Every structure is written in C-alpha cells, then in structure tokens.
C-alpha cells in the first residue's frame, strides 16, 4: 500500500514538474523583446543602489553604470547606504563625485531593509523621474547597452520590467557558482515564461525596473515592510493584483551578472530568506511551484529505498526537462559557459540541497510561530 502511494505520488509530481517547466519554456521561446511595443521617446530614470557592507563590489557596480550609453543624459543615481559598518559609502562618494551625472546619497545609521530604502529613494527622486531601475551593489554588466535596452521598452502603461540576473560562471569560478548558474537559468526561464502570459510570480530586484507613478499608486510595500526580504516579489504581486502589465526584457544586453555566495552556509541562508518571502504571498502559483520543486527533489531519496529502476527513470525525465529549460535561456541570452559534467553533478547535489532548504525553512517558521 505504501509503495503504491509513493509511486502514484511520484508520477503526479513528475507530471506537474514536466507540465510546469515545458509550459514555461514554451512561452519563454514564444515571444521576444522585439514583439513588445517600444517607447517613442526615452524616459528619465533613477538608478537606485541599496548597499550594506559592499566595499568589495560598490566601485565596480557604480563605474559600469556610469559608463552606460545614455545614462549621462537620461538618468540620476541614488545610492542608499543601509547601515554599512565599512567604508562602502566613502567609496561610493569617490566614484560618484567624479561624474557629471546627478546623484544623491542617503545614509541610514542602522540597517532598515531594502524595501524601506527603495521607498525612500522613490520619494526623494526628482520630479522628472519616470522610472526607477533597481540594481544590487554586487552586480555588474558586460554591455554598455543595458540602460538603453531597458529604457526603450518603458512606457506609461507598463508597471514593471523584469530583466535577467545570471550568476557569474566560468571555468575558474567556484563549484558553488556553477551550481547557482544552472539553478539561475531555470529560474530565469520561469520568470520570463510566466511574465509573457501576464502571470508573473518571480523576479529579482538586482535587475528590475518599475514605473514610479504606478509604484506610488499601488503603495507597493504597504503591509509588508516588516518582512525584510521580498522587495521584488511583493512589488510584482501588487502590480499583478492591480492588473498592471508586467513585461520581460530578456536579451544579451540586458543581462546583469552577480556572484554566488562565498560558502555553503551563506548560500543556504540566502535560500531560506527567499523561501520565507514566498510563504508570505497569498498566491496559489507560488505554493504550487514551491511544492513541486520540493517534492521532485525529496522523492528521489524515498525512491532509492524502494526501486532503483523507477528512481533512474524519474531522474532521467527530470534531467531532460532541466536540460531543455537551461538550453533555452543560454540560447536566447547567448551565454557561453557549458559543462555537462558540472550540470550532472549539480543535478545530484541539488537533491539534498533542496531537502535541506525545505527542512530548515519549516524549522525556522516553527521557531518564529513559537
């Protein structure tokens, strides 16, 4: 009886996984940025960077933003030092003071969280600012067309532009970076796929733009400022519920790169934070996505104790779907890194990795409630 239940559950979960990702992949490839209506004139923007102890990254981030095409004519920069205890703000001032781009520095004596920092930056941005572009301090681009590629798609009716965030990966990067690279490709597929059908539920504020007027109209962070993370998904959720269009801007020029956490402990902490913000959103798609991802990685451990052949078939189907999904993103974004060995190792490691994240998220929720 127990074996029958496990096999039946495995089939249902695997079917759900296949349907979810093939559906996402279909829409990921169905439309491209060229299908969107571009703005007839460029918009004046504010690029907001919120930072906490980012002395090792802030100079590179700001320098490549300053060098973007069109930034000097159509942009101002707002840097928020969110309670840093190192010289992050000093380094930011040194970079920004050498440019003719309008800028503003906001200093918090204590860390107040990204949502409060973003809301404050929106309030102090100049009146001519039409769009806010969010970037994390530990990100960078390899194309000088990033700013203009986003700007040309902005219009008054659109609420948010979702753009790709890719973990920096090469033969010389750490194994953690390589694992995160492949996980990130799958997440980018789902991000763009569901945005194309106006059912967005994923996005990343490390590379995201939103309409300033509509942001204020929906009061994006009202009722969720007490939750430290989720500055991206809460904003997406509010825009979605207000039936405001959300677009994706996925091409090689709009890629923003980030570095993976330095060690496994920081990585697990990051994923637990991500899991916590999903649990705070009352949308069925979030629950379905989380349950399917958790189950499809937990069930192989259970199947290992019952039927090795069934386990192999289960994993083979999952791996084929993952290959298809990752390949679509690599092809559309013209990403060059590829290693089948690393990919297969990541597939194996991802099973205990997701199990650990799921378990720790449940334990954390239990502790908070009690």
Protein backbone atom coordinates (compact mmCIF):
# COMPACT_ATOMS: atom_id res chain seq x y z
CA UNK A 1 0.00 0.00 0.00
CA UNK A 2 2.75 2.44 0.96
CA UNK A 3 4.74 1.62 -2.18
CA UNK A 4 1.66 2.22 -4.36
CA UNK A 5 1.11 5.61 -2.74
CA UNK A 6 4.75 6.58 -3.24
CA UNK A 7 4.74 5.53 -6.89
CA UNK A 8 1.46 7.36 -7.54
CA UNK A 9 2.73 10.49 -5.81
CA UNK A 10 5.96 10.32 -7.79
CA UNK A 11 4.04 10.15 -11.07
CA UNK A 12 1.84 13.11 -10.13
CA UNK A 13 4.80 15.23 -9.01
CA UNK A 14 6.81 14.38 -12.11
CA UNK A 15 3.85 15.20 -14.37
CA UNK A 16 3.45 18.52 -12.56
CA UNK A 17 7.16 19.26 -12.99
CA UNK A 18 7.09 18.45 -16.69
CA UNK A 19 3.94 20.50 -17.32
CA UNK A 20 5.18 23.49 -15.30
CA UNK A 21 8.56 23.77 -16.97
CA UNK A 22 7.55 22.82 -20.51
CA UNK A 23 4.71 25.33 -20.31
CA UNK A 24 7.13 27.97 -19.05
CA UNK A 25 9.68 27.03 -21.70
CA UNK A 26 7.08 27.28 -24.46
CA UNK A 27 6.26 30.86 -23.54
CA UNK A 28 9.90 31.69 -22.85
CA UNK A 29 10.62 30.92 -26.50
CA UNK A 30 7.28 32.12 -27.89
CA UNK A 31 7.90 35.83 -27.61
CA UNK A 32 10.96 38.02 -27.71
CA UNK A 33 11.65 41.59 -26.74
CA UNK A 34 11.15 42.69 -30.35
CA UNK A 35 7.46 41.81 -30.01
CA UNK A 36 6.95 44.44 -27.34
CA UNK A 37 5.94 47.98 -28.25
CA UNK A 38 8.87 50.29 -27.57
CA UNK A 39 8.55 53.79 -26.16
CA UNK A 40 8.76 56.52 -28.80
CA UNK A 41 10.98 58.69 -26.57
CA UNK A 42 13.49 57.84 -23.88
CA UNK A 43 12.43 58.12 -20.25
CA UNK A 44 14.25 59.90 -17.47
CA UNK A 45 15.19 57.35 -14.81
CA UNK A 46 16.70 57.00 -11.37
CA UNK A 47 19.00 54.07 -10.80
CA UNK A 48 18.75 53.04 -7.15
CA UNK A 49 21.50 51.00 -5.48
CA UNK A 50 20.94 49.90 -1.89
CA UNK A 51 24.07 48.65 -0.17
CA UNK A 52 25.10 47.16 3.17
CA UNK A 53 28.82 46.45 3.66
CA UNK A 54 29.66 46.20 -0.04
CA UNK A 55 33.14 47.73 -0.06
CA UNK A 56 34.44 44.97 -2.34
CA UNK A 57 31.78 45.48 -5.00
CA UNK A 58 30.38 49.01 -4.97
CA UNK A 59 33.08 50.68 -7.09
CA UNK A 60 32.78 48.17 -9.94
CA UNK A 61 28.98 48.40 -9.86
CA UNK A 62 28.90 52.21 -10.00
CA UNK A 63 31.67 52.56 -12.57
CA UNK A 64 29.96 50.31 -15.11
CA UNK A 65 26.62 52.11 -14.54
CA UNK A 66 28.26 55.48 -15.15
CA UNK A 67 29.76 54.16 -18.40
CA UNK A 68 26.39 53.01 -19.77
CA UNK A 69 25.19 54.62 -23.00
CA UNK A 70 22.55 57.26 -22.35
CA UNK A 71 22.97 57.43 -18.57
CA UNK A 72 24.51 60.90 -18.53
CA UNK A 73 21.51 62.34 -20.46
CA UNK A 74 18.59 60.39 -19.05
CA UNK A 75 19.47 59.34 -15.54
CA UNK A 76 20.24 60.22 -11.95
CA UNK A 77 21.77 57.86 -9.41
CA UNK A 78 20.50 57.36 -5.86
CA UNK A 79 22.81 55.43 -3.56
CA UNK A 80 21.43 54.21 -0.23
CA UNK A 81 23.95 53.24 2.44
CA UNK A 82 21.80 50.94 4.56
CA UNK A 83 23.70 50.89 7.84
CA UNK A 84 27.09 49.83 6.47
CA UNK A 85 29.86 49.46 9.05
CA UNK A 86 32.66 49.50 6.47
CA UNK A 87 33.74 52.22 4.01
CA UNK A 88 31.09 51.41 1.37
CA UNK A 89 29.72 54.96 1.42
CA UNK A 90 33.16 56.56 1.18
CA UNK A 91 34.00 54.52 -1.90
CA UNK A 92 30.61 55.35 -3.47
CA UNK A 93 31.20 59.06 -2.91
CA UNK A 94 34.63 58.88 -4.51
CA UNK A 95 33.18 57.34 -7.68
CA UNK A 96 30.05 59.49 -7.93
CA UNK A 97 31.85 62.80 -7.21
CA UNK A 98 33.96 62.35 -10.35
CA UNK A 99 30.99 62.20 -12.71
CA UNK A 100 28.62 64.85 -14.03
CA UNK A 101 25.61 62.56 -13.54
CA UNK A 102 23.20 63.90 -10.88
CA UNK A 103 23.38 61.78 -7.75
CA UNK A 104 22.12 61.61 -4.21
CA UNK A 105 23.43 59.62 -1.25
CA UNK A 106 21.09 58.52 1.52
CA UNK A 107 22.66 57.33 4.76
CA UNK A 108 20.98 55.08 7.34
CA UNK A 109 22.68 54.84 10.72
CA UNK A 110 21.23 51.34 11.12
CA UNK A 111 20.12 48.74 8.60
CA UNK A 112 16.47 49.39 7.74
CA UNK A 113 15.97 46.86 4.95
CA UNK A 114 15.77 47.14 1.21
CA UNK A 115 12.05 47.87 0.93
CA UNK A 116 12.27 50.94 3.18
CA UNK A 117 15.41 52.05 1.34
CA UNK A 118 13.74 51.75 -2.06
CA UNK A 119 10.60 53.56 -0.90
CA UNK A 120 12.71 56.40 0.47
CA UNK A 121 14.72 56.63 -2.74
CA UNK A 122 11.50 56.87 -4.77
CA UNK A 123 10.25 59.70 -2.54
CA UNK A 124 13.43 61.77 -2.86
CA UNK A 125 13.94 61.19 -6.60
CA UNK A 126 13.49 64.31 -8.72
CA UNK A 127 10.09 65.15 -10.18
CA UNK A 128 11.19 64.43 -13.73
CA UNK A 129 12.00 60.79 -12.89
CA UNK A 130 9.50 58.50 -14.65
CA UNK A 131 11.07 55.09 -13.98
CA UNK A 132 13.13 53.58 -11.18
CA UNK A 133 15.75 50.97 -12.04
CA UNK A 134 16.96 48.75 -9.22
CA UNK A 135 20.43 47.29 -9.03
CA UNK A 136 22.25 45.44 -6.26
CA UNK A 137 25.68 46.67 -5.23
CA UNK A 138 27.29 43.31 -6.02
CA UNK A 139 26.15 43.24 -9.65
CA UNK A 140 27.68 44.34 -12.94
CA UNK A 141 27.04 44.24 -16.68
CA UNK A 142 29.23 43.38 -19.65
CA UNK A 143 27.31 45.50 -22.15
CA UNK A 144 27.12 49.29 -22.34
CA UNK A 145 23.64 48.96 -23.88
CA UNK A 146 21.98 47.71 -20.66
CA UNK A 147 20.41 51.06 -19.71
CA UNK A 148 19.13 51.94 -23.17
CA UNK A 149 17.80 48.40 -23.76
CA UNK A 150 15.59 48.78 -20.71
CA UNK A 151 14.70 52.40 -21.36
CA UNK A 152 13.42 51.81 -24.89
CA UNK A 153 10.73 49.41 -23.59
CA UNK A 154 9.43 51.69 -20.83
CA UNK A 155 6.02 53.27 -21.29
CA UNK A 156 3.26 54.79 -19.15
CA UNK A 157 1.04 51.68 -19.12
CA UNK A 158 3.68 49.15 -18.07
CA UNK A 159 4.30 48.68 -14.35
CA UNK A 160 7.45 46.56 -14.21
CA UNK A 161 10.23 45.38 -16.49
CA UNK A 162 11.81 42.07 -15.50
CA UNK A 163 15.36 41.50 -16.74
CA UNK A 164 17.79 38.58 -16.45
CA UNK A 165 20.11 38.05 -13.49
CA UNK A 166 22.83 35.47 -14.14
CA UNK A 167 25.36 34.07 -11.68
CA UNK A 168 28.84 34.71 -12.99
CA UNK A 169 30.24 31.40 -14.17
CA UNK A 170 33.43 30.31 -15.91
CA UNK A 171 35.98 27.53 -15.70
CA UNK A 172 37.70 29.50 -12.92
CA UNK A 173 34.68 30.16 -10.69
CA UNK A 174 33.83 28.07 -7.63
CA UNK A 175 31.67 24.98 -7.71
CA UNK A 176 29.00 26.87 -5.73
CA UNK A 177 28.91 29.45 -8.53
CA UNK A 178 28.47 26.73 -11.13
CA UNK A 179 25.57 25.16 -9.23
CA UNK A 180 23.92 28.56 -8.83
CA UNK A 181 24.48 29.30 -12.51
CA UNK A 182 22.35 26.33 -13.59
CA UNK A 183 19.72 26.93 -10.94
CA UNK A 184 19.53 30.55 -12.06
CA UNK A 185 18.97 29.56 -15.68
CA UNK A 186 15.91 27.54 -14.68
CA UNK A 187 14.57 30.42 -12.59
CA UNK A 188 15.07 32.87 -15.46
CA UNK A 189 13.09 30.56 -17.74
CA UNK A 190 10.15 30.56 -15.33
CA UNK A 191 10.48 34.31 -14.71
CA UNK A 192 10.16 35.25 -18.37
CA UNK A 193 7.81 32.42 -19.32
CA UNK A 194 5.10 33.37 -16.85
CA UNK A 195 5.63 37.10 -17.37
CA UNK A 196 4.83 36.62 -21.04
CA UNK A 197 1.33 35.35 -20.18
CA UNK A 198 0.85 38.04 -17.50
CA UNK A 199 1.04 35.53 -14.63
CA UNK A 200 4.36 36.70 -13.14
CA UNK A 201 5.42 35.49 -9.74
CA UNK A 202 9.23 35.55 -9.95
CA UNK A 203 11.68 38.40 -10.43
CA UNK A 204 14.84 39.80 -8.92
CA UNK A 205 15.37 43.35 -7.71
CA UNK A 206 19.04 43.11 -8.63
CA UNK A 207 17.92 43.87 -12.20
CA UNK A 208 14.39 45.24 -12.29
CA UNK A 209 12.70 48.49 -13.30
CA UNK A 210 9.33 49.90 -12.30
CA UNK A 211 7.07 52.79 -13.20
CA UNK A 212 7.41 55.44 -10.48
CA UNK A 213 3.86 56.76 -10.78
CA UNK A 214 2.29 53.29 -10.68
CA UNK A 215 4.55 52.25 -7.79
CA UNK A 216 3.12 55.07 -5.71
CA UNK A 217 -0.40 54.41 -6.94
CA UNK A 218 -0.48 50.82 -5.62
CA UNK A 219 1.53 51.65 -2.47
CA UNK A 220 3.71 48.66 -3.25
CA UNK A 221 5.22 47.95 0.16
CA UNK A 222 2.24 48.78 2.37
CA UNK A 223 1.60 45.89 4.73
CA UNK A 224 4.87 44.05 4.05
CA UNK A 225 7.66 46.41 5.13
CA UNK A 226 8.14 44.34 8.30
CA UNK A 227 9.33 41.42 6.12
CA UNK A 228 13.00 42.15 5.42
CA UNK A 229 13.21 40.43 2.03
CA UNK A 230 10.80 40.32 -0.89
CA UNK A 231 11.25 43.81 -2.30
CA UNK A 232 10.85 42.23 -5.74
CA UNK A 233 8.09 39.61 -5.38
CA UNK A 234 5.84 41.84 -3.23
CA UNK A 235 6.10 44.57 -5.85
CA UNK A 236 5.32 42.09 -8.63
CA UNK A 237 2.39 40.71 -6.64
CA UNK A 238 0.89 44.16 -6.04
CA UNK A 239 1.22 45.10 -9.73
CA UNK A 240 -0.29 41.78 -10.80
CA UNK A 241 -3.29 42.16 -8.48
CA UNK A 242 -3.81 45.72 -9.72
CA UNK A 243 -3.87 44.29 -13.28
CA UNK A 244 -1.00 46.48 -14.38
CA UNK A 245 1.03 45.00 -17.28
CA UNK A 246 4.41 43.49 -16.47
CA UNK A 247 6.94 42.90 -19.24
CA UNK A 248 10.15 40.95 -19.55
CA UNK A 249 13.25 42.29 -21.31
CA UNK A 250 15.49 39.29 -21.95
CA UNK A 251 18.43 39.63 -24.31
CA UNK A 252 22.21 39.61 -24.07
CA UNK A 253 22.44 43.38 -23.49
CA UNK A 254 20.04 43.39 -20.52
CA UNK A 255 21.92 40.73 -18.54
CA UNK A 256 23.18 41.70 -15.11
CA UNK A 257 25.72 39.39 -13.50
CA UNK A 258 26.12 38.59 -9.83
CA UNK A 259 28.47 36.45 -7.77
CA UNK A 260 27.30 33.41 -5.83
CA UNK A 261 27.59 33.39 -2.01
CA UNK A 262 31.13 32.59 -0.91
CA UNK A 263 30.27 29.45 1.05
CA UNK A 264 27.52 26.90 1.53
CA UNK A 265 26.30 28.47 4.80
CA UNK A 266 25.70 31.86 3.15
CA UNK A 267 24.03 30.10 0.23
CA UNK A 268 21.61 28.21 2.49
CA UNK A 269 20.81 31.40 4.42
CA UNK A 270 20.05 33.18 1.15
CA UNK A 271 17.69 30.44 0.00
CA UNK A 272 15.87 30.37 3.35
CA UNK A 273 15.26 34.12 3.01
CA UNK A 274 13.89 33.55 -0.49
CA UNK A 275 11.63 30.77 0.77
CA UNK A 276 10.30 32.97 3.58
CA UNK A 277 9.11 35.70 1.24
CA UNK A 278 7.23 33.19 -0.94
CA UNK A 279 5.36 31.90 2.09
CA UNK A 280 4.19 35.45 2.83
CA UNK A 281 2.45 35.79 -0.55
CA UNK A 282 -1.09 34.56 -0.92
CA UNK A 283 -0.96 33.23 -4.48
CA UNK A 284 -1.64 29.62 -5.48
CA UNK A 285 1.07 29.60 -8.17
CA UNK A 286 3.73 30.30 -5.51
CA UNK A 287 2.56 27.35 -3.43
CA UNK A 288 2.29 25.03 -6.44
CA UNK A 289 5.77 25.98 -7.65
CA UNK A 290 7.35 25.55 -4.20
CA UNK A 291 5.64 22.20 -3.53
CA UNK A 292 6.56 20.75 -6.93
CA UNK A 293 10.22 21.81 -6.62
CA UNK A 294 10.44 20.43 -3.09
CA UNK A 295 8.72 17.13 -3.91
CA UNK A 296 10.62 16.45 -7.12
CA UNK A 297 13.86 16.64 -5.12
CA UNK A 298 12.67 14.84 -1.97
CA UNK A 299 11.04 11.88 -3.71
CA UNK A 300 14.28 10.51 -5.26
CA UNK A 301 15.63 9.91 -1.75
CA UNK A 302 12.48 7.95 -0.89
CA UNK A 303 12.51 6.04 -4.19
CA UNK A 304 16.10 4.99 -3.56
CA UNK A 305 14.83 2.74 -0.76
CA UNK A 306 12.17 1.05 -2.89
CA UNK A 307 13.00 0.74 -6.58
CA UNK A 308 16.28 1.67 -8.27
CA UNK A 309 14.86 1.35 -11.81
CA UNK A 310 11.95 3.66 -11.03
CA UNK A 311 14.40 6.13 -9.49
CA UNK A 312 16.57 6.14 -12.63
CA UNK A 313 13.54 6.76 -14.87
CA UNK A 314 12.34 9.54 -12.55
CA UNK A 315 15.74 11.29 -12.58
CA UNK A 316 16.23 10.82 -16.31
CA UNK A 317 12.96 12.59 -17.12
CA UNK A 318 13.76 15.40 -14.70
CA UNK A 319 17.26 15.87 -16.12
CA UNK A 320 15.98 16.00 -19.70
CA UNK A 321 13.47 18.71 -18.74
CA UNK A 322 16.19 20.68 -16.93
CA UNK A 323 18.49 20.44 -19.95
CA UNK A 324 15.76 21.78 -22.23
CA UNK A 325 14.92 24.67 -19.90
CA UNK A 326 18.55 25.72 -19.34
CA UNK A 327 19.38 25.42 -23.04
CA UNK A 328 16.56 27.82 -23.95
CA UNK A 329 17.92 30.50 -21.62
CA UNK A 330 21.51 30.03 -22.75
CA UNK A 331 20.47 30.27 -26.38
CA UNK A 332 18.33 33.39 -26.00
CA UNK A 333 20.85 35.22 -23.82
CA UNK A 334 23.90 33.99 -25.79
CA UNK A 335 25.60 32.54 -22.73
CA UNK A 336 28.79 30.63 -23.43
CA UNK A 337 29.56 28.60 -20.31
CA UNK A 338 28.56 24.94 -20.56
CA UNK A 339 29.74 21.77 -18.83
CA UNK A 340 27.69 18.60 -18.94
CA UNK A 341 29.74 17.13 -16.09
CA UNK A 342 29.08 20.10 -13.81
CA UNK A 343 25.43 20.09 -14.85
CA UNK A 344 25.01 16.43 -13.89
CA UNK A 345 26.84 16.94 -10.61
CA UNK A 346 24.59 19.90 -9.89
CA UNK A 347 21.53 17.73 -10.59
CA UNK A 348 22.71 15.20 -7.99
CA UNK A 349 23.75 17.75 -5.37
CA UNK A 350 20.55 19.72 -5.85
CA UNK A 351 18.54 16.88 -4.28
CA UNK A 352 19.99 17.04 -0.74
CA UNK A 353 20.41 20.81 -1.18
CA UNK A 354 16.67 21.36 -1.72
CA UNK A 355 15.82 18.90 1.03
CA UNK A 356 17.98 20.89 3.45
CA UNK A 357 16.44 24.22 2.41
CA UNK A 358 12.92 22.80 2.78
CA UNK A 359 13.64 21.34 6.22
CA UNK A 360 15.38 24.46 7.54
CA UNK A 361 12.60 26.71 6.21
CA UNK A 362 10.00 24.65 8.08
CA UNK A 363 12.09 24.70 11.28
CA UNK A 364 12.58 28.45 11.00
CA UNK A 365 8.83 29.01 10.52
CA UNK A 366 8.13 26.82 13.56
CA UNK A 367 10.54 28.83 15.71
CA UNK A 368 9.05 32.14 14.60
CA UNK A 369 5.50 30.98 15.37
CA UNK A 370 6.54 29.75 18.81
